[in-house]
Amino acid sequence: MSKEEFKSSDYLPRFRASSYESERMGKGSGKGKTILFGEHFVVYGLPAIAAGISSETTAEVTRIDEPGWTLDDDRPAMPGYKNEKADEQEVSINNVIDFTGVDLSKRGIHIRFAGNLVCASGIGASAASCVALARALDDEFDLGYDDERVNEAAYEGEKGYHGTPSGIDNTASTFGGLVWYVRDLDGGPPVFNKMKLDKPVHLVIASTGLTASTKEVVGDVRAKKEEDPDWFEKIEDEYKDVVYQGRDALLNMDLKEVGTLMDRNHELLRQLTVSCRELNDLVEVARKSGALGAKMTGTGRGGNMIAIAQTKEEAKKIASVLEDNGAAGVWTTSFGV
């Protein structure tokens, strides 16, 4: 696994290799996330449901004698992911440090990211690292943060990656469970309702290995909506039924119904033209392998699909079949608690 060391232009004007203290370190973690319902529809003020998954990123913060910060990024990742995100990551780390007010002008810190969350598009890898770092800084410098404050720090970190993030990723990463999210189209604060399930739901995530521009895909959907408002409104109305029924099915732990609704959500996303052949193929493989339901998750036109399974053993079986049928990467995890 590659290690990448960065220097911060804000905090480390005189960078040099350093040894760092080992007697104590601050530690923190942040969960990955997946969107269960609501990709693209959330842009237009409709609800979305995100889940904080059990796979997580960890952070360790150790004080060093030199000013600024250094980084070892030991997270597992899809090929090219960390290189592509390096500049955004530097801004993100600076944002989190700025928010906490930790002074690194005389003595700095060494940061190490690790954990079992695979860095890939669509599973909240950036948010997980922001949450983990905020918690590690809190642990090391006794900042007295509760989860709400950690979430605020992570949101600032997410700005380094997304400009104006929705907040759904860092919220799911901080609190776990489920997050019911509604964007305020008038510019006010979004609605976040946090929910917990009685027991975990087993999830399979499979990557196409393809990456698409969120800005470009969202723009395409908006153009189609403006060209044919009636077409979009029909799809939108069906999605409203899906997401509200999906929330009830999740809270009732009716996984068969959740799976059926995920299948319907995927079909609506296909109608919006945000899926692709690779995603559709993986979704079909998962369903035929025993998944209760499967759909694309995230931006689409690449990225990941998700499938839910009745048991952990079933999830492993589905994952194995996906690996044998063209998935660029496959992971099993869980969500809900």
Protein backbone atom coordinates (compact mmCIF):
# COMPACT_ATOMS: atom_id res chain seq x y z
CA MET A 1 0.00 0.00 0.00
CA SER A 2 1.40 3.36 -0.95
CA LYS A 3 2.23 6.08 1.54
CA GLU A 4 1.83 9.65 0.46
CA GLU A 5 3.41 12.53 2.41
CA PHE A 6 2.19 16.06 1.88
CA LYS A 7 3.26 19.41 3.14
CA SER A 8 0.78 22.12 3.92
CA SER A 9 1.52 25.47 2.30
CA ASP A 10 -0.39 27.17 5.12
CA TYR A 11 1.18 25.40 8.05
CA LEU A 12 4.53 24.06 6.92
CA PRO A 13 6.63 26.69 5.12
CA ARG A 14 9.87 24.97 6.10
CA PHE A 15 9.15 21.30 5.59
CA ARG A 16 11.71 18.68 6.44
CA ALA A 17 11.64 15.06 7.49
CA SER A 18 11.00 14.64 11.18
CA SER A 19 10.82 12.02 13.84
CA TYR A 20 7.63 12.10 15.83
CA GLU A 21 6.89 11.27 19.40
CA SER A 22 5.45 7.85 20.14
CA GLU A 23 4.48 8.06 23.80
CA ARG A 24 0.97 9.36 23.07
CA MET A 25 -1.30 9.90 20.12
CA GLY A 26 -4.84 11.08 19.53
CA LYS A 27 -7.14 8.61 17.83
CA GLY A 28 -10.44 8.91 15.99
CA SER A 29 -12.62 7.17 13.43
CA GLY A 30 -15.33 7.98 10.91
CA LYS A 31 -17.78 5.69 9.15
CA GLY A 32 -18.23 5.33 5.42
CA LYS A 33 -21.65 5.99 3.96
CA THR A 34 -23.95 4.89 1.21
CA ILE A 35 -27.06 6.48 -0.27
CA LEU A 36 -29.93 4.01 0.03
CA PHE A 37 -32.52 6.23 -1.66
CA GLY A 38 -32.44 9.64 -3.28
CA GLU A 39 -29.50 10.23 -5.62
CA HIS A 40 -30.19 13.21 -7.91
CA PHE A 41 -33.75 13.64 -6.57
CA VAL A 42 -32.28 15.24 -3.46
CA VAL A 43 -31.05 18.14 -5.63
CA TYR A 44 -34.68 19.18 -6.15
CA GLY A 45 -35.72 19.17 -2.50
CA LEU A 46 -36.91 15.58 -2.24
CA PRO A 47 -35.84 13.43 0.73
CA ALA A 48 -32.87 11.10 0.62
CA ILE A 49 -31.86 8.32 3.00
CA ALA A 50 -28.17 7.75 3.71
CA ALA A 51 -26.63 5.06 5.89
CA GLY A 52 -23.44 5.19 7.90
CA ILE A 53 -21.78 1.84 7.23
CA SER A 54 -19.65 -0.19 9.62
CA SER A 55 -16.51 0.13 7.47
CA GLU A 56 -14.50 3.09 8.72
CA THR A 57 -11.43 5.26 8.36
CA THR A 58 -9.19 5.72 11.38
CA ALA A 59 -6.89 8.64 12.17
CA GLU A 60 -3.93 8.93 14.51
CA VAL A 61 -2.44 12.31 15.43
CA THR A 62 1.04 12.47 16.97
CA ARG A 63 2.86 15.64 17.97
CA ILE A 64 6.17 16.42 16.24
CA ASP A 65 8.87 19.00 16.89
CA GLU A 66 8.57 20.78 13.54
CA PRO A 67 5.68 23.16 12.74
CA GLY A 68 2.82 22.19 10.43
CA TRP A 69 1.61 18.70 9.60
CA THR A 70 2.76 15.62 7.72
CA LEU A 71 0.69 12.70 6.53
CA ASP A 72 0.88 8.97 5.92
CA ASP A 73 -2.23 7.83 4.07
CA ASP A 74 -2.47 4.07 4.60
CA ARG A 75 -6.12 3.67 3.65
CA PRO A 76 -6.96 0.90 1.16
CA ALA A 77 -8.07 2.52 -2.09
CA MET A 78 -9.15 1.93 -5.64
CA PRO A 79 -6.29 2.57 -8.10
CA GLY A 80 -5.60 6.27 -8.61
CA TYR A 81 -8.09 7.50 -6.02
CA LYS A 82 -5.63 9.03 -3.54
CA ASN A 83 -3.51 10.68 -6.23
CA GLU A 84 -6.60 12.25 -7.80
CA LYS A 85 -7.77 13.60 -4.44
CA ALA A 86 -4.38 14.75 -3.08
CA ASP A 87 -4.84 18.49 -3.63
CA GLU A 88 -8.39 18.43 -2.26
CA GLN A 89 -7.21 16.41 0.73
CA GLU A 90 -4.61 19.04 1.62
CA VAL A 91 -7.25 21.78 1.63
CA SER A 92 -9.57 19.56 3.65
CA ILE A 93 -7.00 18.85 6.36
CA ASN A 94 -6.18 22.55 6.64
CA ASN A 95 -9.89 23.33 6.95
CA VAL A 96 -10.36 20.90 9.83
CA ILE A 97 -7.27 22.22 11.64
CA ASP A 98 -8.44 25.81 11.13
CA PHE A 99 -11.84 24.96 12.57
CA THR A 100 -10.37 23.37 15.69
CA GLY A 101 -8.05 26.31 16.30
CA VAL A 102 -5.12 24.00 17.03
CA ASP A 103 -1.89 26.06 16.76
CA LEU A 104 0.76 24.27 14.68
CA SER A 105 3.06 27.27 14.23
CA LYS A 106 5.69 26.01 16.69
CA ARG A 107 5.06 22.29 17.10
CA GLY A 108 3.23 20.32 14.48
CA ILE A 109 1.49 16.99 14.11
CA HIS A 110 1.91 13.81 12.12
CA ILE A 111 -1.37 12.35 10.80
CA ARG A 112 -1.86 8.72 9.82
CA PHE A 113 -5.03 7.56 8.07
CA ALA A 114 -5.85 3.84 7.97
CA GLY A 115 -8.90 1.60 8.56
CA ASN A 116 -10.95 -0.85 6.53
CA LEU A 117 -13.00 1.61 4.45
CA VAL A 118 -11.84 1.32 0.85
CA CYS A 119 -11.42 4.73 -0.74
CA ALA A 120 -13.67 4.82 -3.78
CA SER A 121 -16.21 7.20 -5.25
CA GLY A 122 -19.61 7.20 -3.58
CA ILE A 123 -18.92 5.66 -0.17
CA GLY A 124 -18.08 8.76 1.84
CA ALA A 125 -14.32 8.25 2.01
CA SER A 126 -13.59 11.97 2.24
CA ALA A 127 -16.18 12.56 4.98
CA ALA A 128 -14.90 9.57 6.95
CA SER A 129 -11.38 10.99 6.93
CA CYS A 130 -12.64 14.40 8.05
CA VAL A 131 -14.60 12.91 10.95
CA ALA A 132 -11.67 10.68 11.94
CA LEU A 133 -9.26 13.62 11.91
CA ALA A 134 -11.59 15.84 13.92
CA ARG A 135 -11.95 13.15 16.57
CA ALA A 136 -8.21 12.47 16.67
CA LEU A 137 -7.47 16.19 17.15
CA ASP A 138 -10.10 16.34 19.87
CA ASP A 139 -8.50 13.34 21.58
CA GLU A 140 -4.96 14.67 21.34
CA PHE A 141 -5.65 18.29 22.29
CA ASP A 142 -8.57 17.77 24.73
CA LEU A 143 -10.91 20.02 22.77
CA GLY A 144 -14.04 18.77 24.53
CA TYR A 145 -15.94 18.04 21.32
CA ASP A 146 -19.22 16.17 21.31
CA ASP A 147 -20.52 14.49 18.14
CA GLU A 148 -22.30 17.64 17.00
CA ARG A 149 -19.06 19.62 17.16
CA VAL A 150 -17.15 16.83 15.40
CA ASN A 151 -19.78 16.94 12.67
CA GLU A 152 -19.31 20.70 12.27
CA ALA A 153 -15.54 20.28 11.95
CA ALA A 154 -15.98 17.50 9.40
CA TYR A 155 -18.35 19.66 7.35
CA GLU A 156 -15.62 22.28 7.07
CA GLY A 157 -13.23 19.56 5.94
CA GLU A 158 -15.70 18.38 3.31
CA LYS A 159 -15.59 21.83 1.73
CA GLY A 160 -12.07 20.98 0.57
CA TYR A 161 -13.46 18.17 -1.53
CA HIS A 162 -16.89 19.41 -2.57
CA GLY A 163 -16.94 23.20 -2.35
CA THR A 164 -20.44 23.43 -0.90
CA PRO A 165 -21.23 19.99 0.50
CA SER A 166 -24.77 18.94 1.39
CA GLY A 167 -23.70 17.76 4.83
CA ILE A 168 -25.28 14.36 4.44
CA ASP A 169 -21.97 12.47 4.14
CA ASN A 170 -20.32 13.90 7.25
CA THR A 171 -23.56 13.49 9.24
CA ALA A 172 -23.86 9.81 8.32
CA SER A 173 -20.15 9.34 9.01
CA THR A 174 -20.34 10.99 12.44
CA PHE A 175 -23.52 9.46 13.81
CA GLY A 176 -23.92 6.19 11.90
CA GLY A 177 -27.39 4.70 11.65
CA LEU A 178 -29.64 6.25 9.02
CA VAL A 179 -29.98 9.89 8.04
CA TRP A 180 -33.18 11.29 6.51
CA TYR A 181 -32.06 14.38 4.60
CA VAL A 182 -34.08 17.12 2.89
CA ARG A 183 -32.41 20.06 1.20
CA ASP A 184 -33.95 23.53 1.68
CA LEU A 185 -34.28 24.98 -1.83
CA ASP A 186 -34.60 28.49 -0.38
CA GLY A 187 -31.11 28.34 1.06
CA GLY A 188 -31.98 27.58 4.67
CA PRO A 189 -30.45 24.77 6.72
CA PRO A 190 -31.25 21.25 5.53
CA VAL A 191 -33.35 18.82 7.54
CA PHE A 192 -31.39 15.99 9.18
CA ASN A 193 -33.35 13.31 11.04
CA LYS A 194 -31.18 10.59 12.53
CA MET A 195 -32.57 7.07 12.87
CA LYS A 196 -31.27 3.80 14.30
CA LEU A 197 -32.36 0.25 13.46
CA ASP A 198 -32.75 -2.61 15.93
CA LYS A 199 -30.08 -4.69 14.21
CA PRO A 200 -27.59 -4.32 11.35
CA VAL A 201 -28.51 -4.81 7.70
CA HIS A 202 -25.93 -6.61 5.57
CA LEU A 203 -24.73 -4.76 2.51
CA VAL A 204 -22.58 -5.54 -0.51
CA ILE A 205 -20.83 -2.71 -2.37
CA ALA A 206 -19.36 -3.30 -5.82
CA SER A 207 -17.36 -0.83 -7.90
CA THR A 208 -17.41 -0.46 -11.66
CA GLY A 209 -13.94 1.08 -11.55
CA LEU A 210 -15.31 4.07 -13.48
CA THR A 211 -15.46 7.66 -12.23
CA ALA A 212 -17.88 10.31 -13.46
CA SER A 213 -18.07 14.04 -12.83
CA THR A 214 -20.88 14.78 -10.36
CA LYS A 215 -21.20 18.31 -11.71
CA GLU A 216 -21.56 17.05 -15.29
CA VAL A 217 -24.09 14.32 -14.49
CA VAL A 218 -26.22 16.61 -12.30
CA GLY A 219 -26.13 19.20 -15.09
CA ASP A 220 -27.34 16.65 -17.64
CA VAL A 221 -30.31 15.72 -15.46
CA ARG A 222 -31.19 19.36 -14.91
CA ALA A 223 -31.11 20.01 -18.65
CA LYS A 224 -33.44 17.06 -19.30
CA LYS A 225 -35.80 18.28 -16.56
CA GLU A 226 -35.97 21.75 -18.06
CA GLU A 227 -36.51 20.33 -21.56
CA ASP A 228 -39.40 18.09 -20.47
CA PRO A 229 -40.83 19.06 -17.05
CA ASP A 230 -43.77 16.65 -17.34
CA TRP A 231 -41.41 13.72 -17.90
CA PHE A 232 -39.41 14.61 -14.81
CA GLU A 233 -42.50 15.24 -12.68
CA LYS A 234 -43.83 11.75 -13.41
CA ILE A 235 -40.55 10.17 -12.31
CA GLU A 236 -40.41 12.49 -9.31
CA ASP A 237 -43.89 11.50 -8.14
CA GLU A 238 -43.00 7.81 -8.22
CA TYR A 239 -39.79 8.48 -6.32
CA LYS A 240 -41.73 10.22 -3.52
CA ASP A 241 -43.67 6.99 -2.96
CA VAL A 242 -40.43 4.98 -3.02
CA VAL A 243 -38.55 7.04 -0.44
CA TYR A 244 -41.37 7.32 2.09
CA GLN A 245 -42.20 3.63 1.78
CA GLY A 246 -38.47 2.89 2.02
CA ARG A 247 -38.18 4.76 5.31
CA ASP A 248 -41.10 2.83 6.80
CA ALA A 249 -39.78 -0.50 5.55
CA LEU A 250 -36.35 0.19 7.04
CA LEU A 251 -37.74 1.16 10.43
CA ASN A 252 -39.93 -1.97 10.39
CA MET A 253 -36.93 -4.09 9.29
CA ASP A 254 -38.96 -5.36 6.33
CA LEU A 255 -35.88 -6.09 4.23
CA LYS A 256 -37.77 -7.78 1.42
CA GLU A 257 -39.78 -4.58 0.91
CA VAL A 258 -36.63 -2.47 1.21
CA GLY A 259 -35.07 -4.54 -1.57
CA THR A 260 -38.12 -4.17 -3.81
CA LEU A 261 -38.04 -0.40 -3.33
CA MET A 262 -34.31 -0.26 -4.05
CA ASP A 263 -35.01 -2.04 -7.33
CA ARG A 264 -37.67 0.55 -8.16
CA ASN A 265 -35.30 3.39 -7.25
CA HIS A 266 -32.67 1.98 -9.60
CA GLU A 267 -35.17 1.86 -12.45
CA LEU A 268 -36.06 5.51 -11.87
CA LEU A 269 -32.37 6.42 -11.97
CA ARG A 270 -32.05 4.54 -15.24
CA GLN A 271 -34.88 6.66 -16.59
CA LEU A 272 -32.93 9.75 -15.54
CA THR A 273 -30.03 8.32 -17.62
CA VAL A 274 -27.60 8.39 -14.70
CA SER A 275 -26.95 4.66 -14.65
CA CYS A 276 -24.76 2.89 -17.19
CA ARG A 277 -24.27 -0.57 -18.67
CA GLU A 278 -21.60 -1.52 -16.14
CA LEU A 279 -23.81 -0.57 -13.20
CA ASN A 280 -26.87 -2.26 -14.67
CA ASP A 281 -24.89 -5.46 -15.25
CA LEU A 282 -23.64 -5.57 -11.65
CA VAL A 283 -27.14 -4.85 -10.31
CA GLU A 284 -28.52 -7.74 -12.36
CA VAL A 285 -25.78 -10.09 -11.20
CA ALA A 286 -26.46 -9.21 -7.57
CA ARG A 287 -30.19 -9.82 -7.93
CA LYS A 288 -29.69 -13.17 -9.61
CA SER A 289 -27.23 -14.12 -6.85
CA GLY A 290 -29.83 -13.74 -4.13
CA ALA A 291 -29.80 -10.04 -3.23
CA LEU A 292 -33.09 -8.77 -1.82
CA GLY A 293 -32.57 -5.62 -3.86
CA ALA A 294 -29.83 -3.74 -5.66
CA LYS A 295 -29.26 -0.30 -7.14
CA MET A 296 -26.61 2.16 -8.18
CA THR A 297 -25.49 4.55 -5.46
CA GLY A 298 -23.99 8.02 -5.75
CA THR A 299 -23.44 10.03 -8.90
CA GLY A 300 -23.83 7.17 -11.36
CA ARG A 301 -22.41 6.56 -14.84
CA GLY A 302 -19.75 4.62 -12.98
CA GLY A 303 -18.92 4.42 -9.32
CA ASN A 304 -20.69 1.85 -7.17
CA MET A 305 -23.77 -0.27 -6.80
CA ILE A 306 -25.16 -1.65 -3.55
CA ALA A 307 -27.15 -4.76 -2.69
CA ILE A 308 -28.76 -5.85 0.56
CA ALA A 309 -28.74 -9.42 1.80
CA GLN A 310 -30.75 -11.32 4.38
CA THR A 311 -27.69 -12.63 6.20
CA LYS A 312 -23.94 -12.08 6.43
CA GLU A 313 -23.39 -15.41 4.69
CA GLU A 314 -25.67 -14.38 1.82
CA ALA A 315 -23.76 -11.10 1.50
CA LYS A 316 -20.48 -13.00 1.16
CA LYS A 317 -21.99 -15.25 -1.50
CA ILE A 318 -23.27 -12.28 -3.51
CA ALA A 319 -19.89 -10.57 -3.19
CA SER A 320 -18.10 -13.63 -4.51
CA VAL A 321 -20.32 -13.82 -7.58
CA LEU A 322 -19.85 -10.11 -8.27
CA GLU A 323 -16.08 -10.55 -8.07
CA ASP A 324 -16.33 -13.28 -10.69
CA ASN A 325 -18.47 -11.13 -12.96
CA GLY A 326 -16.47 -8.03 -13.66
CA ALA A 327 -16.64 -5.88 -10.53
CA ALA A 328 -13.48 -3.82 -10.10
CA GLY A 329 -13.78 -4.09 -6.32
CA VAL A 330 -16.26 -5.66 -3.91
CA TRP A 331 -16.78 -5.15 -0.15
CA THR A 332 -19.22 -6.45 2.43
CA THR A 333 -20.31 -4.28 5.31
CA SER A 334 -23.44 -3.40 7.29
CA PHE A 335 -25.51 -0.38 8.28
CA GLY A 336 -28.27 0.72 10.57
CA VAL A 337 -26.98 0.65 14.15
